[in-house]
All heavy atoms as atom14 arrays in JSON, in Angstrom:
{
  "sequence": "VVTVAQNRDLQLRAEVAPRYYAALKNITGVNIRVAGSDSVLTLADLHG",
  "atom14_mask": [
    [1, 1, 1, 1, 1, 1, 1, 0, 0, 0, 0, 0, 0, 0],
    [1, 1, 1, 1, 1, 1, 1, 0, 0, 0, 0, 0, 0, 0],
    [1, 1, 1, 1, 1, 1, 1, 0, 0, 0, 0, 0, 0, 0],
    [1, 1, 1, 1, 1, 1, 1, 0, 0, 0, 0, 0, 0, 0],
    [1, 1, 1, 1, 1, 0, 0, 0, 0, 0, 0, 0, 0, 0],
    [1, 1, 1, 1, 1, 1, 1, 1, 1, 0, 0, 0, 0, 0],
    [1, 1, 1, 1, 1, 1, 1, 1, 0, 0, 0, 0, 0, 0],
    [1, 1, 1, 1, 1, 1, 1, 1, 1, 1, 1, 0, 0, 0],
    [1, 1, 1, 1, 1, 1, 1, 1, 0, 0, 0, 0, 0, 0],
    [1, 1, 1, 1, 1, 1, 1, 1, 0, 0, 0, 0, 0, 0],
    [1, 1, 1, 1, 1, 1, 1, 1, 1, 0, 0, 0, 0, 0],
    [1, 1, 1, 1, 1, 1, 1, 1, 0, 0, 0, 0, 0, 0],
    [1, 1, 1, 1, 1, 1, 1, 1, 1, 1, 1, 0, 0, 0],
    [1, 1, 1, 1, 1, 0, 0, 0, 0, 0, 0, 0, 0, 0],
    [1, 1, 1, 1, 1, 1, 1, 1, 1, 0, 0, 0, 0, 0],
    [1, 1, 1, 1, 1, 1, 1, 0, 0, 0, 0, 0, 0, 0],
    [1, 1, 1, 1, 1, 0, 0, 0, 0, 0, 0, 0, 0, 0],
    [1, 1, 1, 1, 1, 1, 1, 0, 0, 0, 0, 0, 0, 0],
    [1, 1, 1, 1, 1, 1, 1, 1, 1, 1, 1, 0, 0, 0],
    [1, 1, 1, 1, 1, 1, 1, 1, 1, 1, 1, 1, 0, 0],
    [1, 1, 1, 1, 1, 1, 1, 1, 1, 1, 1, 1, 0, 0],
    [1, 1, 1, 1, 1, 0, 0, 0, 0, 0, 0, 0, 0, 0],
    [1, 1, 1, 1, 1, 0, 0, 0, 0, 0, 0, 0, 0, 0],
    [1, 1, 1, 1, 1, 1, 1, 1, 0, 0, 0, 0, 0, 0],
    [1, 1, 1, 1, 1, 1, 1, 1, 1, 0, 0, 0, 0, 0],
    [1, 1, 1, 1, 1, 1, 1, 1, 0, 0, 0, 0, 0, 0],
    [1, 1, 1, 1, 1, 1, 1, 1, 0, 0, 0, 0, 0, 0],
    [1, 1, 1, 1, 1, 1, 1, 0, 0, 0, 0, 0, 0, 0],
    [1, 1, 1, 1, 0, 0, 0, 0, 0, 0, 0, 0, 0, 0],
    [1, 1, 1, 1, 1, 1, 1, 0, 0, 0, 0, 0, 0, 0],
    [1, 1, 1, 1, 1, 1, 1, 1, 0, 0, 0, 0, 0, 0],
    [1, 1, 1, 1, 1, 1, 1, 1, 0, 0, 0, 0, 0, 0],
    [1, 1, 1, 1, 1, 1, 1, 1, 1, 1, 1, 0, 0, 0],
    [1, 1, 1, 1, 1, 1, 1, 0, 0, 0, 0, 0, 0, 0],
    [1, 1, 1, 1, 1, 0, 0, 0, 0, 0, 0, 0, 0, 0],
    [1, 1, 1, 1, 0, 0, 0, 0, 0, 0, 0, 0, 0, 0],
    [1, 1, 1, 1, 1, 1, 0, 0, 0, 0, 0, 0, 0, 0],
    [1, 1, 1, 1, 1, 1, 1, 1, 0, 0, 0, 0, 0, 0],
    [1, 1, 1, 1, 1, 1, 0, 0, 0, 0, 0, 0, 0, 0],
    [1, 1, 1, 1, 1, 1, 1, 0, 0, 0, 0, 0, 0, 0],
    [1, 1, 1, 1, 1, 1, 1, 1, 0, 0, 0, 0, 0, 0],
    [1, 1, 1, 1, 1, 1, 1, 0, 0, 0, 0, 0, 0, 0],
    [1, 1, 1, 1, 1, 1, 1, 1, 0, 0, 0, 0, 0, 0],
    [1, 1, 1, 1, 1, 0, 0, 0, 0, 0, 0, 0, 0, 0],
    [1, 1, 1, 1, 1, 1, 1, 1, 0, 0, 0, 0, 0, 0],
    [1, 1, 1, 1, 1, 1, 1, 1, 0, 0, 0, 0, 0, 0],
    [1, 1, 1, 1, 1, 1, 1, 1, 1, 1, 0, 0, 0, 0],
    [1, 1, 1, 1, 0, 0, 0, 0, 0, 0, 0, 0, 0, 0]
  ],
  "atom14_positions": [
    [[4.16, 9.91, -27.47], [4.26, 11.38, -27.41], [3.72, 11.94, -26.09], [4.15, 13.0, -25.64], [3.52, 12.03, -28.6], [4.24, 11.72, -29.9], [2.07, 11.58, -28.67], [0.0, 0.0, 0.0], [0.0, 0.0, 0.0], [0.0, 0.0, 0.0], [0.0, 0.0, 0.0], [0.0, 0.0, 0.0], [0.0, 0.0, 0.0], [0.0, 0.0, 0.0]],
    [[2.77, 11.23, -25.45], [2.21, 11.74, -24.21], [1.67, 10.56, -23.39], [1.22, 9.56, -23.96], [1.08, 12.76, -24.47], [-0.09, 12.12, -25.18], [0.63, 13.44, -23.18], [0.0, 0.0, 0.0], [0.0, 0.0, 0.0], [0.0, 0.0, 0.0], [0.0, 0.0, 0.0], [0.0, 0.0, 0.0], [0.0, 0.0, 0.0], [0.0, 0.0, 0.0]],
    [[1.75, 10.7, -22.07], [1.18, 9.7, -21.16], [0.11, 10.39, -20.32], [0.37, 11.42, -19.7], [2.25, 9.11, -20.23], [3.3, 8.53, -21.02], [1.65, 8.05, -19.32], [0.0, 0.0, 0.0], [0.0, 0.0, 0.0], [0.0, 0.0, 0.0], [0.0, 0.0, 0.0], [0.0, 0.0, 0.0], [0.0, 0.0, 0.0], [0.0, 0.0, 0.0]],
    [[-1.09, 9.81, -20.33], [-2.22, 10.36, -19.58], [-2.59, 9.37, -18.49], [-2.74, 8.17, -18.76], [-3.43, 10.64, -20.5], [-4.61, 11.18, -19.69], [-3.04, 11.62, -21.6], [0.0, 0.0, 0.0], [0.0, 0.0, 0.0], [0.0, 0.0, 0.0], [0.0, 0.0, 0.0], [0.0, 0.0, 0.0], [0.0, 0.0, 0.0], [0.0, 0.0, 0.0]],
    [[-2.72, 9.85, -17.26], [-3.07, 8.99, -16.12], [-4.31, 9.54, -15.42], [-4.55, 10.75, -15.42], [-1.91, 8.91, -15.14], [0.0, 0.0, 0.0], [0.0, 0.0, 0.0], [0.0, 0.0, 0.0], [0.0, 0.0, 0.0], [0.0, 0.0, 0.0], [0.0, 0.0, 0.0], [0.0, 0.0, 0.0], [0.0, 0.0, 0.0], [0.0, 0.0, 0.0]],
    [[-5.07, 8.65, -14.86], [-6.25, 9.05, -14.1], [-5.93, 9.25, -12.63], [-6.63, 9.97, -11.93], [-7.36, 7.99, -14.24], [-7.91, 7.87, -15.65], [-8.94, 6.77, -15.77], [-8.8, 5.71, -15.17], [-9.98, 7.02, -16.55], [0.0, 0.0, 0.0], [0.0, 0.0, 0.0], [0.0, 0.0, 0.0], [0.0, 0.0, 0.0], [0.0, 0.0, 0.0]],
    [[-4.85, 8.6, -12.15], [-4.44, 8.7, -10.76], [-5.58, 8.34, -9.81], [-5.75, 8.93, -8.75], [-3.94, 10.11, -10.44], [-3.03, 10.13, -9.24], [-2.37, 9.15, -8.93], [-3.0, 11.25, -8.52], [0.0, 0.0, 0.0], [0.0, 0.0, 0.0], [0.0, 0.0, 0.0], [0.0, 0.0, 0.0], [0.0, 0.0, 0.0], [0.0, 0.0, 0.0]],
    [[-6.39, 7.37, -10.21], [-7.55, 6.98, -9.41], [-7.3, 5.64, -8.73], [-7.43, 5.53, -7.52], [-8.78, 6.88, -10.32], [-10.06, 6.51, -9.59], [-11.21, 6.41, -10.57], [-10.96, 5.39, -11.58], [-11.71, 5.23, -12.67], [-12.73, 6.04, -12.9], [-11.44, 4.28, -13.54], [0.0, 0.0, 0.0], [0.0, 0.0, 0.0], [0.0, 0.0, 0.0]],
    [[-6.95, 4.64, -9.49], [-6.62, 3.33, -8.92], [-5.11, 3.16, -8.96], [-4.49, 3.27, -10.02], [-7.29, 2.2, -9.71], [-8.8, 2.26, -9.6], [-9.28, 2.56, -8.49], [-9.48, 2.02, -10.6], [0.0, 0.0, 0.0], [0.0, 0.0, 0.0], [0.0, 0.0, 0.0], [0.0, 0.0, 0.0], [0.0, 0.0, 0.0], [0.0, 0.0, 0.0]],
    [[-4.54, 2.89, -7.8], [-3.09, 2.78, -7.69], [-2.71, 1.44, -7.06], [-3.56, 0.73, -6.53], [-2.55, 3.92, -6.81], [-2.82, 5.34, -7.29], [-2.38, 6.35, -6.24], [-2.13, 5.63, -8.61], [0.0, 0.0, 0.0], [0.0, 0.0, 0.0], [0.0, 0.0, 0.0], [0.0, 0.0, 0.0], [0.0, 0.0, 0.0], [0.0, 0.0, 0.0]],
    [[-1.45, 1.14, -7.16], [-0.91, -0.06, -6.53], [0.21, 0.33, -5.58], [0.97, 1.27, -5.85], [-0.38, -1.04, -7.58], [-1.45, -1.71, -8.41], [-0.89, -2.74, -9.38], [0.32, -2.81, -9.61], [-1.75, -3.55, -9.95], [0.0, 0.0, 0.0], [0.0, 0.0, 0.0], [0.0, 0.0, 0.0], [0.0, 0.0, 0.0], [0.0, 0.0, 0.0]],
    [[0.3, -0.39, -4.48], [1.42, -0.25, -3.55], [2.24, -1.53, -3.66], [1.75, -2.62, -3.37], [0.92, -0.08, -2.11], [0.03, 1.13, -1.82], [-0.38, 1.13, -0.36], [0.75, 2.42, -2.17], [0.0, 0.0, 0.0], [0.0, 0.0, 0.0], [0.0, 0.0, 0.0], [0.0, 0.0, 0.0], [0.0, 0.0, 0.0], [0.0, 0.0, 0.0]],
    [[3.48, -1.37, -4.1], [4.34, -2.55, -4.28], [5.48, -2.49, -3.27], [6.29, -1.56, -3.29], [4.91, -2.61, -5.69], [5.62, -3.93, -5.99], [6.17, -3.95, -7.41], [6.68, -5.26, -7.78], [7.89, -5.72, -7.44], [8.71, -4.94, -6.76], [8.28, -6.92, -7.82], [0.0, 0.0, 0.0], [0.0, 0.0, 0.0], [0.0, 0.0, 0.0]],
    [[5.48, -3.47, -2.38], [6.51, -3.55, -1.34], [7.31, -4.82, -1.53], [6.9, -5.74, -2.24], [5.87, -3.53, 0.04], [0.0, 0.0, 0.0], [0.0, 0.0, 0.0], [0.0, 0.0, 0.0], [0.0, 0.0, 0.0], [0.0, 0.0, 0.0], [0.0, 0.0, 0.0], [0.0, 0.0, 0.0], [0.0, 0.0, 0.0], [0.0, 0.0, 0.0]],
    [[8.46, -4.88, -0.88], [9.28, -6.08, -0.88], [9.67, -6.4, 0.55], [10.12, -5.51, 1.3], [10.54, -5.87, -1.74], [10.22, -5.71, -3.23], [11.47, -5.54, -4.07], [12.47, -5.04, -3.54], [11.45, -5.93, -5.25], [0.0, 0.0, 0.0], [0.0, 0.0, 0.0], [0.0, 0.0, 0.0], [0.0, 0.0, 0.0], [0.0, 0.0, 0.0]],
    [[9.46, -7.65, 0.96], [9.74, -8.06, 2.34], [10.72, -9.22, 2.35], [10.89, -9.93, 1.35], [8.44, -8.46, 3.07], [7.44, -7.31, 3.08], [7.8, -9.69, 2.44], [0.0, 0.0, 0.0], [0.0, 0.0, 0.0], [0.0, 0.0, 0.0], [0.0, 0.0, 0.0], [0.0, 0.0, 0.0], [0.0, 0.0, 0.0], [0.0, 0.0, 0.0]],
    [[11.35, -9.4, 3.49], [12.35, -10.47, 3.63], [11.67, -11.83, 3.62], [10.52, -11.98, 4.05], [13.12, -10.28, 4.92], [0.0, 0.0, 0.0], [0.0, 0.0, 0.0], [0.0, 0.0, 0.0], [0.0, 0.0, 0.0], [0.0, 0.0, 0.0], [0.0, 0.0, 0.0], [0.0, 0.0, 0.0], [0.0, 0.0, 0.0], [0.0, 0.0, 0.0]],
    [[12.36, -12.86, 3.14], [11.78, -14.22, 3.08], [11.32, -14.76, 4.43], [10.45, -15.63, 4.48], [12.92, -15.05, 2.5], [13.75, -14.09, 1.73], [13.68, -12.81, 2.5], [0.0, 0.0, 0.0], [0.0, 0.0, 0.0], [0.0, 0.0, 0.0], [0.0, 0.0, 0.0], [0.0, 0.0, 0.0], [0.0, 0.0, 0.0], [0.0, 0.0, 0.0]],
    [[11.88, -14.25, 5.54], [11.47, -14.78, 6.85], [10.02, -14.46, 7.19], [9.44, -15.07, 8.09], [12.39, -14.22, 7.95], [12.26, -12.72, 8.21], [13.16, -12.31, 9.36], [13.06, -10.89, 9.67], [13.77, -9.94, 9.11], [14.68, -10.27, 8.19], [13.63, -8.67, 9.45], [0.0, 0.0, 0.0], [0.0, 0.0, 0.0], [0.0, 0.0, 0.0]],
    [[9.42, -13.52, 6.46], [8.02, -13.17, 6.7], [7.06, -13.96, 5.81], [5.85, -13.72, 5.85], [7.8, -11.67, 6.44], [8.54, -10.77, 7.39], [9.5, -9.88, 6.92], [8.29, -10.79, 8.76], [10.19, -9.03, 7.78], [8.97, -9.95, 9.63], [9.92, -9.08, 9.13], [10.59, -8.25, 9.99], [0.0, 0.0, 0.0], [0.0, 0.0, 0.0]],
    [[7.58, -14.87, 5.0], [6.73, -15.54, 4.01], [5.54, -16.25, 4.66], [4.42, -16.16, 4.17], [7.57, -16.54, 3.21], [6.77, -17.32, 2.2], [6.32, -16.71, 1.03], [6.42, -18.66, 2.42], [5.57, -17.42, 0.1], [5.68, -19.36, 1.49], [5.25, -18.74, 0.34], [4.49, -19.43, -0.57], [0.0, 0.0, 0.0], [0.0, 0.0, 0.0]],
    [[5.77, -16.95, 5.76], [4.68, -17.7, 6.41], [3.58, -16.78, 6.92], [2.41, -17.17, 6.99], [5.24, -18.54, 7.55], [0.0, 0.0, 0.0], [0.0, 0.0, 0.0], [0.0, 0.0, 0.0], [0.0, 0.0, 0.0], [0.0, 0.0, 0.0], [0.0, 0.0, 0.0], [0.0, 0.0, 0.0], [0.0, 0.0, 0.0], [0.0, 0.0, 0.0]],
    [[3.93, -15.54, 7.27], [2.94, -14.61, 7.82], [2.11, -13.93, 6.73], [1.04, -13.39, 7.02], [3.64, -13.55, 8.67], [0.0, 0.0, 0.0], [0.0, 0.0, 0.0], [0.0, 0.0, 0.0], [0.0, 0.0, 0.0], [0.0, 0.0, 0.0], [0.0, 0.0, 0.0], [0.0, 0.0, 0.0], [0.0, 0.0, 0.0], [0.0, 0.0, 0.0]],
    [[2.58, -13.96, 5.49], [1.89, -13.22, 4.42], [0.51, -13.79, 4.12], [-0.36, -13.06, 3.65], [2.74, -13.22, 3.15], [4.08, -12.46, 3.25], [4.84, -12.54, 1.93], [3.85, -11.0, 3.64], [0.0, 0.0, 0.0], [0.0, 0.0, 0.0], [0.0, 0.0, 0.0], [0.0, 0.0, 0.0], [0.0, 0.0, 0.0], [0.0, 0.0, 0.0]],
    [[0.29, -15.06, 4.4], [-1.04, -15.62, 4.13], [-2.06, -15.18, 5.17], [-3.27, -15.42, 5.0], [-0.95, -17.15, 4.11], [-0.56, -17.81, 5.41], [-0.57, -19.33, 5.26], [-0.19, -20.03, 6.55], [1.22, -19.76, 6.94], [0.0, 0.0, 0.0], [0.0, 0.0, 0.0], [0.0, 0.0, 0.0], [0.0, 0.0, 0.0], [0.0, 0.0, 0.0]],
    [[-1.61, -14.51, 6.24], [-2.51, -14.06, 7.3], [-2.62, -12.54, 7.36], [-2.92, -11.97, 8.41], [-2.01, -14.58, 8.66], [-2.01, -16.09, 8.73], [-2.95, -16.74, 8.25], [-0.98, -16.67, 9.33], [0.0, 0.0, 0.0], [0.0, 0.0, 0.0], [0.0, 0.0, 0.0], [0.0, 0.0, 0.0], [0.0, 0.0, 0.0], [0.0, 0.0, 0.0]],
    [[-2.37, -11.86, 6.24], [-2.44, -10.4, 6.21], [-3.87, -9.94, 6.49], [-4.82, -10.41, 5.87], [-1.96, -9.85, 4.85], [-0.46, -10.09, 4.7], [-2.26, -8.36, 4.73], [0.1, -9.66, 3.36], [0.0, 0.0, 0.0], [0.0, 0.0, 0.0], [0.0, 0.0, 0.0], [0.0, 0.0, 0.0], [0.0, 0.0, 0.0], [0.0, 0.0, 0.0]],
    [[-4.01, -9.02, 7.43], [-5.32, -8.48, 7.78], [-5.5, -7.03, 7.35], [-6.63, -6.55, 7.27], [-5.56, -8.57, 9.29], [-4.5, -7.86, 9.98], [-5.56, -10.03, 9.75], [0.0, 0.0, 0.0], [0.0, 0.0, 0.0], [0.0, 0.0, 0.0], [0.0, 0.0, 0.0], [0.0, 0.0, 0.0], [0.0, 0.0, 0.0], [0.0, 0.0, 0.0]],
    [[-4.42, -6.33, 7.09], [-4.57, -4.93, 6.7], [-3.22, -4.28, 6.51], [-2.16, -4.88, 6.72], [0.0, 0.0, 0.0], [0.0, 0.0, 0.0], [0.0, 0.0, 0.0], [0.0, 0.0, 0.0], [0.0, 0.0, 0.0], [0.0, 0.0, 0.0], [0.0, 0.0, 0.0], [0.0, 0.0, 0.0], [0.0, 0.0, 0.0], [0.0, 0.0, 0.0]],
    [[-3.27, -3.02, 6.1], [-2.06, -2.23, 5.89], [-2.32, -0.81, 6.39], [-3.38, -0.23, 6.09], [-1.65, -2.18, 4.4], [-0.42, -1.29, 4.21], [-1.38, -3.57, 3.86], [0.0, 0.0, 0.0], [0.0, 0.0, 0.0], [0.0, 0.0, 0.0], [0.0, 0.0, 0.0], [0.0, 0.0, 0.0], [0.0, 0.0, 0.0], [0.0, 0.0, 0.0]],
    [[-1.39, -0.28, 7.14], [-1.43, 1.12, 7.55], [-0.34, 1.86, 6.8], [0.8, 1.39, 6.72], [-1.25, 1.25, 9.06], [-2.35, 0.53, 9.82], [-3.49, 0.49, 9.39], [-2.01, -0.04, 10.97], [0.0, 0.0, 0.0], [0.0, 0.0, 0.0], [0.0, 0.0, 0.0], [0.0, 0.0, 0.0], [0.0, 0.0, 0.0], [0.0, 0.0, 0.0]],
    [[-0.69, 3.02, 6.25], [0.19, 3.73, 5.32], [0.5, 5.12, 5.86], [-0.41, 5.88, 6.2], [-0.49, 3.86, 3.93], [-0.91, 2.47, 3.43], [0.42, 4.56, 2.94], [-2.07, 2.5, 2.48], [0.0, 0.0, 0.0], [0.0, 0.0, 0.0], [0.0, 0.0, 0.0], [0.0, 0.0, 0.0], [0.0, 0.0, 0.0], [0.0, 0.0, 0.0]],
    [[1.79, 5.44, 5.93], [2.21, 6.77, 6.36], [2.92, 7.45, 5.19], [3.94, 6.97, 4.69], [3.14, 6.69, 7.57], [3.56, 8.06, 8.11], [4.51, 7.92, 9.28], [3.87, 7.31, 10.43], [3.14, 7.96, 11.32], [2.93, 9.27, 11.17], [2.6, 7.34, 12.34], [0.0, 0.0, 0.0], [0.0, 0.0, 0.0], [0.0, 0.0, 0.0]],
    [[2.36, 8.59, 4.77], [2.93, 9.35, 3.67], [4.04, 10.24, 4.21], [3.89, 10.84, 5.29], [1.86, 10.19, 2.97], [2.45, 10.98, 1.81], [0.73, 9.29, 2.47], [0.0, 0.0, 0.0], [0.0, 0.0, 0.0], [0.0, 0.0, 0.0], [0.0, 0.0, 0.0], [0.0, 0.0, 0.0], [0.0, 0.0, 0.0], [0.0, 0.0, 0.0]],
    [[5.14, 10.33, 3.49], [6.27, 11.15, 3.93], [5.83, 12.6, 4.12], [5.12, 13.16, 3.28], [7.4, 11.07, 2.91], [0.0, 0.0, 0.0], [0.0, 0.0, 0.0], [0.0, 0.0, 0.0], [0.0, 0.0, 0.0], [0.0, 0.0, 0.0], [0.0, 0.0, 0.0], [0.0, 0.0, 0.0], [0.0, 0.0, 0.0], [0.0, 0.0, 0.0]],
    [[6.23, 13.19, 5.24], [5.89, 14.58, 5.52], [4.52, 14.77, 6.13], [4.07, 15.89, 6.31], [0.0, 0.0, 0.0], [0.0, 0.0, 0.0], [0.0, 0.0, 0.0], [0.0, 0.0, 0.0], [0.0, 0.0, 0.0], [0.0, 0.0, 0.0], [0.0, 0.0, 0.0], [0.0, 0.0, 0.0], [0.0, 0.0, 0.0], [0.0, 0.0, 0.0]],
    [[3.84, 13.67, 6.46], [2.5, 13.76, 7.04], [2.46, 12.94, 8.33], [3.08, 11.88, 8.42], [1.44, 13.24, 6.07], [0.17, 13.18, 6.68], [0.0, 0.0, 0.0], [0.0, 0.0, 0.0], [0.0, 0.0, 0.0], [0.0, 0.0, 0.0], [0.0, 0.0, 0.0], [0.0, 0.0, 0.0], [0.0, 0.0, 0.0], [0.0, 0.0, 0.0]],
    [[1.72, 13.47, 9.32], [1.57, 12.74, 10.59], [0.39, 11.78, 10.56], [0.24, 10.96, 11.46], [1.38, 13.74, 11.74], [2.63, 14.57, 11.98], [3.73, 14.07, 11.7], [2.51, 15.73, 12.44], [0.0, 0.0, 0.0], [0.0, 0.0, 0.0], [0.0, 0.0, 0.0], [0.0, 0.0, 0.0], [0.0, 0.0, 0.0], [0.0, 0.0, 0.0]],
    [[-0.46, 11.91, 9.54], [-1.64, 11.07, 9.48], [-1.29, 9.7, 8.91], [-0.34, 9.55, 8.14], [-2.73, 11.73, 8.62], [-2.26, 11.9, 7.29], [0.0, 0.0, 0.0], [0.0, 0.0, 0.0], [0.0, 0.0, 0.0], [0.0, 0.0, 0.0], [0.0, 0.0, 0.0], [0.0, 0.0, 0.0], [0.0, 0.0, 0.0], [0.0, 0.0, 0.0]],
    [[-2.07, 8.7, 9.31], [-1.88, 7.33, 8.84], [-3.16, 6.87, 8.16], [-4.25, 6.99, 8.72], [-1.53, 6.39, 10.01], [-1.43, 4.95, 9.51], [-0.22, 6.8, 10.66], [0.0, 0.0, 0.0], [0.0, 0.0, 0.0], [0.0, 0.0, 0.0], [0.0, 0.0, 0.0], [0.0, 0.0, 0.0], [0.0, 0.0, 0.0], [0.0, 0.0, 0.0]],
    [[-3.03, 6.37, 6.93], [-4.16, 5.85, 6.18], [-4.21, 4.34, 6.31], [-3.16, 3.68, 6.35], [-4.03, 6.24, 4.7], [-3.91, 7.73, 4.38], [-3.57, 7.93, 2.9], [-5.19, 8.47, 4.73], [0.0, 0.0, 0.0], [0.0, 0.0, 0.0], [0.0, 0.0, 0.0], [0.0, 0.0, 0.0], [0.0, 0.0, 0.0], [0.0, 0.0, 0.0]],
    [[-5.4, 3.79, 6.36], [-5.54, 2.34, 6.42], [-6.0, 1.82, 5.06], [-6.5, 2.57, 4.22], [-6.55, 1.92, 7.5], [-7.88, 2.35, 7.09], [-6.22, 2.55, 8.83], [0.0, 0.0, 0.0], [0.0, 0.0, 0.0], [0.0, 0.0, 0.0], [0.0, 0.0, 0.0], [0.0, 0.0, 0.0], [0.0, 0.0, 0.0], [0.0, 0.0, 0.0]],
    [[-5.84, 0.52, 4.87], [-6.27, -0.1, 3.62], [-7.78, 0.06, 3.46], [-8.28, 0.24, 2.35], [-5.88, -1.58, 3.63], [-5.84, -2.28, 2.26], [-4.78, -1.65, 1.38], [-5.55, -3.76, 2.44], [0.0, 0.0, 0.0], [0.0, 0.0, 0.0], [0.0, 0.0, 0.0], [0.0, 0.0, 0.0], [0.0, 0.0, 0.0], [0.0, 0.0, 0.0]],
    [[-8.52, 0.01, 4.57], [-9.97, 0.2, 4.51], [-10.32, 1.62, 4.11], [-11.29, 1.85, 3.37], [-10.6, -0.14, 5.87], [0.0, 0.0, 0.0], [0.0, 0.0, 0.0], [0.0, 0.0, 0.0], [0.0, 0.0, 0.0], [0.0, 0.0, 0.0], [0.0, 0.0, 0.0], [0.0, 0.0, 0.0], [0.0, 0.0, 0.0], [0.0, 0.0, 0.0]],
    [[-9.55, 2.61, 4.58], [-9.8, 4.01, 4.22], [-9.72, 4.2, 2.71], [-10.43, 5.02, 2.13], [-8.79, 4.94, 4.9], [-8.96, 4.99, 6.4], [-10.09, 4.7, 6.87], [-7.98, 5.31, 7.1], [0.0, 0.0, 0.0], [0.0, 0.0, 0.0], [0.0, 0.0, 0.0], [0.0, 0.0, 0.0], [0.0, 0.0, 0.0], [0.0, 0.0, 0.0]],
    [[-8.82, 3.46, 2.06], [-8.57, 3.6, 0.62], [-9.31, 2.55, -0.2], [-9.01, 2.39, -1.39], [-7.07, 3.51, 0.36], [-6.2, 4.55, 1.09], [-4.73, 4.33, 0.79], [-6.61, 5.97, 0.69], [0.0, 0.0, 0.0], [0.0, 0.0, 0.0], [0.0, 0.0, 0.0], [0.0, 0.0, 0.0], [0.0, 0.0, 0.0], [0.0, 0.0, 0.0]],
    [[-10.25, 1.84, 0.43], [-11.02, 0.81, -0.26], [-10.08, -0.16, -0.99], [-10.33, -0.54, -2.15], [-12.0, 1.44, -1.26], [-12.89, 2.48, -0.65], [-13.95, 2.16, 0.17], [-12.86, 3.84, -0.72], [-14.55, 3.28, 0.57], [-13.9, 4.3, 0.06], [0.0, 0.0, 0.0], [0.0, 0.0, 0.0], [0.0, 0.0, 0.0], [0.0, 0.0, 0.0]],
    [[-9.01, -0.53, -0.31], [-7.99, -1.35, -0.94], [-8.1, -2.82, -0.6], [-8.94, -3.25, 0.2], [0.0, 0.0, 0.0], [0.0, 0.0, 0.0], [0.0, 0.0, 0.0], [0.0, 0.0, 0.0], [0.0, 0.0, 0.0], [0.0, 0.0, 0.0], [0.0, 0.0, 0.0], [0.0, 0.0, 0.0], [0.0, 0.0, 0.0], [0.0, 0.0, 0.0]]
  ]
}
């Protein structure tokens, strides 16, 4: 009847081409750009 969310902990789910598979084990961070915004958030900014 109703869905309640806290909107506190979220997940970012991306899909990448198989040619990047070898590089995925060396991920150091993620920079995030929200549509309509000039600012860029980092994974560290979001405690991710």
